[in-house]
């Protein structure tokens, strides 16, 4: 599969400079994850995934053009930013006299970065894998927290720690890379991060269970103490022929049960 379109170094450098300027100067300061460093990471990942996948230089450059431009729409909106990115990309590329075929290819690549879109070719698969290559980094969980903060600010969606961990666990579990390289090299690291999330969930469950058990235990002890008080009052009021030793035995058994529950 060949790109059939040559990407000049001048256009590649101009695209990089333009994206860097927009993400540095125009992006709202409230963004924490979808910033320049993320875009740079995606551009680098395109190279890392594209080469072993068998793409040539022009194919990789074409995908990188899309990578530089794919998140610029965040300047205008969070939800639906891809549509804004498409408009920005077309205007920029037309301004640099890029041929229509190239513009359309870049638009198709940007469109493919939507989570719900399945890649239609290898170039789109490489970009989608590069865009989510962060799932297979040592900063994956920290980056996830940055996205959580963005959702709180821009989407008015808040999560407890447990809700966010469970959401991420499902996302990491359901997500699959498309290229052989990403599946073989990035997949195991992503799975390791998923296990870390699962460990956090299990640790929280264990801690919460202990708290629940402790509360239940305290409630049980309180109930036992009330029962003992009632029994004492009853025995004091009632006249019985029960031997003194029998009464002591009854208290001893009751108190033993109380002590066992307290341990």
Protein backbone atom coordinates (compact mmCIF):
# COMPACT_ATOMS: atom_id res chain seq x y z
CA UNK A 1 0.00 0.00 0.00
CA UNK A 2 1.60 3.29 -1.10
CA UNK A 3 0.65 6.81 -0.17
CA UNK A 4 0.87 7.91 -3.84
CA UNK A 5 1.22 11.44 -2.50
CA UNK A 6 4.56 12.93 -1.58
CA UNK A 7 4.69 15.01 1.59
CA UNK A 8 7.33 17.73 1.44
CA UNK A 9 9.52 18.47 4.42
CA UNK A 10 8.39 22.09 4.19
CA UNK A 11 4.72 21.16 4.58
CA UNK A 12 5.50 18.74 7.42
CA UNK A 13 7.50 21.40 9.30
CA UNK A 14 4.87 24.05 8.66
CA UNK A 15 2.17 21.76 10.04
CA UNK A 16 4.24 21.04 13.13
CA UNK A 17 4.88 24.75 13.72
CA UNK A 18 1.21 25.62 13.23
CA UNK A 19 -0.06 22.93 15.60
CA UNK A 20 2.56 23.84 18.19
CA UNK A 21 1.54 27.50 18.06
CA UNK A 22 -2.19 26.73 18.37
CA UNK A 23 -1.77 24.26 21.24
CA UNK A 24 0.66 26.56 23.05
CA UNK A 25 -1.01 29.93 22.59
CA UNK A 26 -4.70 29.35 21.90
CA UNK A 27 -5.67 26.26 23.88
CA UNK A 28 -7.55 27.12 27.11
CA UNK A 29 -5.31 26.70 30.15
CA UNK A 30 -7.87 24.38 31.76
CA UNK A 31 -6.80 21.55 29.47
CA UNK A 32 -4.51 19.11 31.21
CA UNK A 33 -4.22 16.06 28.96
CA UNK A 34 -5.11 17.18 25.42
CA UNK A 35 -2.19 19.55 25.22
CA UNK A 36 0.90 19.82 23.03
CA UNK A 37 2.73 16.98 24.79
CA UNK A 38 -0.06 14.55 23.91
CA UNK A 39 0.03 15.54 20.25
CA UNK A 40 3.82 15.19 20.18
CA UNK A 41 3.50 11.75 21.74
CA UNK A 42 1.00 10.68 19.06
CA UNK A 43 3.24 11.97 16.26
CA UNK A 44 6.20 10.01 17.65
CA UNK A 45 4.06 6.89 18.09
CA UNK A 46 3.03 7.05 14.42
CA UNK A 47 6.69 6.60 13.52
CA UNK A 48 7.21 3.86 16.10
CA UNK A 49 4.18 1.88 14.92
CA UNK A 50 4.27 2.79 11.24
CA UNK A 51 7.81 1.62 10.45
CA UNK A 52 7.45 -1.99 11.70
CA UNK A 53 3.99 -2.09 10.13
CA UNK A 54 5.65 -1.58 6.74
CA UNK A 55 4.71 1.98 5.86
CA UNK A 56 6.98 4.17 3.79
CA UNK A 57 8.13 7.69 4.62
CA UNK A 58 5.35 9.49 2.75
CA UNK A 59 2.68 7.32 4.36
CA UNK A 60 4.08 8.03 7.80
CA UNK A 61 4.34 11.75 7.06
CA UNK A 62 0.74 11.81 5.86
CA UNK A 63 -0.45 10.20 9.09
CA UNK A 64 1.72 12.61 11.08
CA UNK A 65 0.10 15.57 9.36
CA UNK A 66 -3.23 14.27 10.63
CA UNK A 67 -1.70 13.63 14.06
CA UNK A 68 -0.46 17.22 14.32
CA UNK A 69 -3.90 18.55 13.36
CA UNK A 70 -6.30 16.03 14.91
CA UNK A 71 -6.79 17.73 18.31
CA UNK A 72 -6.73 21.39 17.32
CA UNK A 73 -10.51 21.48 17.54
CA UNK A 74 -10.21 21.41 21.32
CA UNK A 75 -9.48 25.12 21.05
CA UNK A 76 -13.17 25.63 20.25
CA UNK A 77 -15.01 22.75 21.90
CA UNK A 78 -14.49 19.54 23.86
CA UNK A 79 -17.35 17.35 22.71
CA UNK A 80 -17.29 17.23 18.92
CA UNK A 81 -13.78 18.64 18.66
CA UNK A 82 -13.05 16.35 15.71
CA UNK A 83 -15.42 18.31 13.48
CA UNK A 84 -13.64 21.52 14.37
CA UNK A 85 -10.28 19.84 13.74
CA UNK A 86 -11.47 18.89 10.24
CA UNK A 87 -12.32 22.52 9.46
CA UNK A 88 -9.00 23.76 10.81
CA UNK A 89 -7.04 21.12 8.89
CA UNK A 90 -8.71 21.92 5.57
CA UNK A 91 -8.23 25.65 5.95
CA UNK A 92 -4.58 25.23 6.90
CA UNK A 93 -3.74 22.78 4.12
CA UNK A 94 -5.57 24.81 1.48
CA UNK A 95 -3.60 27.82 2.64
CA UNK A 96 -0.42 25.89 1.89
CA UNK A 97 -1.63 24.87 -1.58
CA UNK A 98 -1.90 21.19 -0.67
CA UNK A 99 -3.57 19.12 -3.34
CA UNK A 100 -7.16 18.06 -2.73
CA UNK A 101 -6.29 14.38 -2.57
CA UNK A 102 -3.98 15.01 0.36
CA UNK A 103 -6.52 17.15 2.16
CA UNK A 104 -9.16 14.45 1.82
CA UNK A 105 -6.77 11.76 3.08
CA UNK A 106 -5.89 13.86 6.12
CA UNK A 107 -9.58 14.49 6.78
CA UNK A 108 -10.29 10.76 6.63
CA UNK A 109 -7.49 10.09 9.09
CA UNK A 110 -8.73 12.73 11.53
CA UNK A 111 -12.25 11.34 11.25
CA UNK A 112 -10.89 7.88 12.09
CA UNK A 113 -9.61 9.09 15.48
CA UNK A 114 -13.19 9.05 16.78
CA UNK A 115 -13.46 6.18 19.26
CA UNK A 116 -16.51 4.68 17.59
CA UNK A 117 -14.93 4.56 14.12
CA UNK A 118 -13.30 1.35 12.91
CA UNK A 119 -10.21 1.89 10.72
CA UNK A 120 -10.75 1.21 7.03
CA UNK A 121 -7.09 0.82 6.11
CA UNK A 122 -3.63 0.43 7.59
CA UNK A 123 -2.95 4.17 7.77
CA UNK A 124 -6.04 4.74 9.87
CA UNK A 125 -5.18 1.74 12.05
CA UNK A 126 -1.72 3.16 12.73
CA UNK A 127 -3.11 6.56 13.72
CA UNK A 128 -5.76 5.05 16.01
CA UNK A 129 -3.13 2.89 17.71
CA UNK A 130 -0.81 5.88 18.06
CA UNK A 131 -3.59 8.02 19.53
CA UNK A 132 -4.18 5.48 22.29
CA UNK A 133 -0.60 4.34 22.70
CA UNK A 134 -0.66 6.25 25.99
CA UNK A 135 -2.55 3.29 27.46
CA UNK A 136 0.72 1.40 27.24
CA UNK A 137 3.00 3.87 29.02
CA UNK A 138 4.14 4.19 32.62
CA UNK A 139 2.15 7.43 32.81
CA UNK A 140 -1.11 5.79 31.72
CA UNK A 141 -2.88 6.03 35.07
CA UNK A 142 -1.64 9.56 35.73
CA UNK A 143 -2.84 10.59 32.27
CA UNK A 144 -6.18 8.99 33.01
CA UNK A 145 -6.57 11.26 36.02
CA UNK A 146 -5.87 14.27 33.79
CA UNK A 147 -8.68 13.19 31.47
CA UNK A 148 -10.91 12.77 34.51
CA UNK A 149 -10.26 16.40 35.42
CA UNK A 150 -11.05 17.52 31.87
CA UNK A 151 -14.35 15.65 31.94
CA UNK A 152 -15.23 17.36 35.20
CA UNK A 153 -14.49 20.79 33.74
CA UNK A 154 -15.75 20.47 30.18
CA UNK A 155 -18.40 17.74 30.40
CA UNK A 156 -19.68 18.29 33.94
CA UNK A 157 -19.12 14.61 34.68
CA UNK A 158 -17.70 13.74 38.06
CA UNK A 159 -16.56 10.32 39.25
CA UNK A 160 -15.57 8.93 42.60
CA UNK A 161 -12.20 7.19 42.70
CA UNK A 162 -13.93 3.83 42.57
CA UNK A 163 -16.22 4.80 39.69
CA UNK A 164 -13.28 6.12 37.67
CA UNK A 165 -11.17 3.02 38.30
CA UNK A 166 -14.03 0.75 37.24
CA UNK A 167 -14.70 2.85 34.14
CA UNK A 168 -11.03 2.70 33.18
CA UNK A 169 -10.77 -1.01 33.89
CA UNK A 170 -13.58 -1.68 31.43
CA UNK A 171 -12.05 0.69 28.87
CA UNK A 172 -8.59 -0.91 29.10
CA UNK A 173 -10.15 -4.38 28.94
CA UNK A 174 -12.42 -3.70 25.97
CA UNK A 175 -9.90 -1.71 23.94
CA UNK A 176 -7.90 -3.56 21.30
CA UNK A 177 -5.05 -2.33 19.16
CA UNK A 178 -5.37 -2.81 15.41
CA UNK A 179 -1.83 -3.26 14.12
CA UNK A 180 0.23 -6.38 14.79
CA UNK A 181 3.04 -4.26 16.20
CA UNK A 182 0.80 -2.50 18.72
CA UNK A 183 -0.89 -5.74 19.77
CA UNK A 184 2.46 -7.46 20.33
CA UNK A 185 4.48 -4.60 21.82
CA UNK A 186 1.94 -2.28 23.43
CA UNK A 187 -0.75 -4.80 24.34
CA UNK A 188 1.17 -6.48 27.21
CA UNK A 189 2.07 -3.10 28.75
CA UNK A 190 -1.54 -1.95 28.50
CA UNK A 191 -2.64 -5.19 30.18
CA UNK A 192 -0.14 -4.57 32.97
CA UNK A 193 -1.68 -1.14 33.53
CA UNK A 194 -5.12 -2.70 33.54
CA UNK A 195 -3.99 -5.06 36.28
CA UNK A 196 -2.80 -2.08 38.32
CA UNK A 197 -6.28 -0.59 38.05
CA UNK A 198 -7.80 -3.90 39.09
CA UNK A 199 -5.44 -4.02 42.06
CA UNK A 200 -6.62 -0.56 43.12
CA UNK A 201 -10.24 -1.68 42.87
CA UNK A 202 -9.59 -4.84 44.89
CA UNK A 203 -7.67 -2.93 47.56
CA UNK A 204 -10.51 -0.45 47.89
CA UNK A 205 -13.07 -3.26 48.05
CA UNK A 206 -11.08 -4.96 50.78
CA UNK A 207 -10.80 -1.75 52.76
CA UNK A 208 -14.50 -1.03 52.36
CA UNK A 209 -15.45 -4.56 53.36
CA UNK A 210 -13.41 -4.22 56.53
CA UNK A 211 -15.20 -1.00 57.32
CA UNK A 212 -18.58 -2.57 56.71
CA UNK A 213 -17.72 -5.59 58.81
CA UNK A 214 -16.49 -3.35 61.60
CA UNK A 215 -19.71 -1.39 61.62
CA UNK A 216 -21.76 -4.55 61.60
CA UNK A 217 -19.67 -5.90 64.44
CA UNK A 218 -20.19 -2.77 66.49
CA UNK A 219 -23.93 -2.98 65.88
CA UNK A 220 -23.95 -6.61 66.94
CA UNK A 221 -22.01 -5.83 70.11
CA UNK A 222 -24.39 -2.99 70.97
CA UNK A 223 -27.32 -5.33 70.52
CA UNK A 224 -25.71 -7.96 72.69
CA UNK A 225 -25.07 -5.43 75.43
CA UNK A 226 -28.70 -4.35 75.34
CA UNK A 227 -29.79 -7.96 75.58
CA UNK A 228 -27.52 -8.51 78.58
CA UNK A 229 -28.89 -5.43 80.32
CA UNK A 230 -32.44 -6.63 79.75
CA UNK A 231 -31.56 -10.08 81.06
CA UNK A 232 -30.01 -8.64 84.19
CA UNK A 233 -33.05 -6.52 84.89
CA UNK A 234 -35.36 -9.42 84.26
CA UNK A 235 -33.45 -11.70 86.58
CA UNK A 236 -33.44 -9.10 89.31
CA UNK A 237 -37.19 -8.62 89.09
CA UNK A 238 -38.17 -12.21 88.77
CA UNK A 239 -38.16 -14.54 91.73
CA UNK A 240 -37.00 -17.93 90.70
CA UNK A 241 -36.03 -21.18 92.30
CA UNK A 242 -33.06 -21.41 89.93
CA UNK A 243 -29.88 -22.12 91.90
CA UNK A 244 -27.35 -19.30 92.16
CA UNK A 245 -24.90 -21.35 90.14
CA UNK A 246 -27.39 -21.67 87.26
CA UNK A 247 -27.78 -17.91 87.06
CA UNK A 248 -24.00 -17.41 86.97
CA UNK A 249 -23.70 -19.99 84.22
CA UNK A 250 -26.31 -18.18 82.12
CA UNK A 251 -24.42 -14.88 82.43
CA UNK A 252 -21.14 -16.62 81.71
CA UNK A 253 -22.46 -18.07 78.43
CA UNK A 254 -23.97 -14.73 77.37
CA UNK A 255 -20.81 -12.80 78.14
CA UNK A 256 -18.71 -15.40 76.33
CA UNK A 257 -20.79 -14.84 73.18
CA UNK A 258 -20.34 -11.09 73.58
CA UNK A 259 -16.56 -11.45 73.97
CA UNK A 260 -16.31 -13.72 70.91
CA UNK A 261 -18.10 -11.15 68.75
CA UNK A 262 -15.76 -8.43 69.99
CA UNK A 263 -12.61 -10.25 68.88
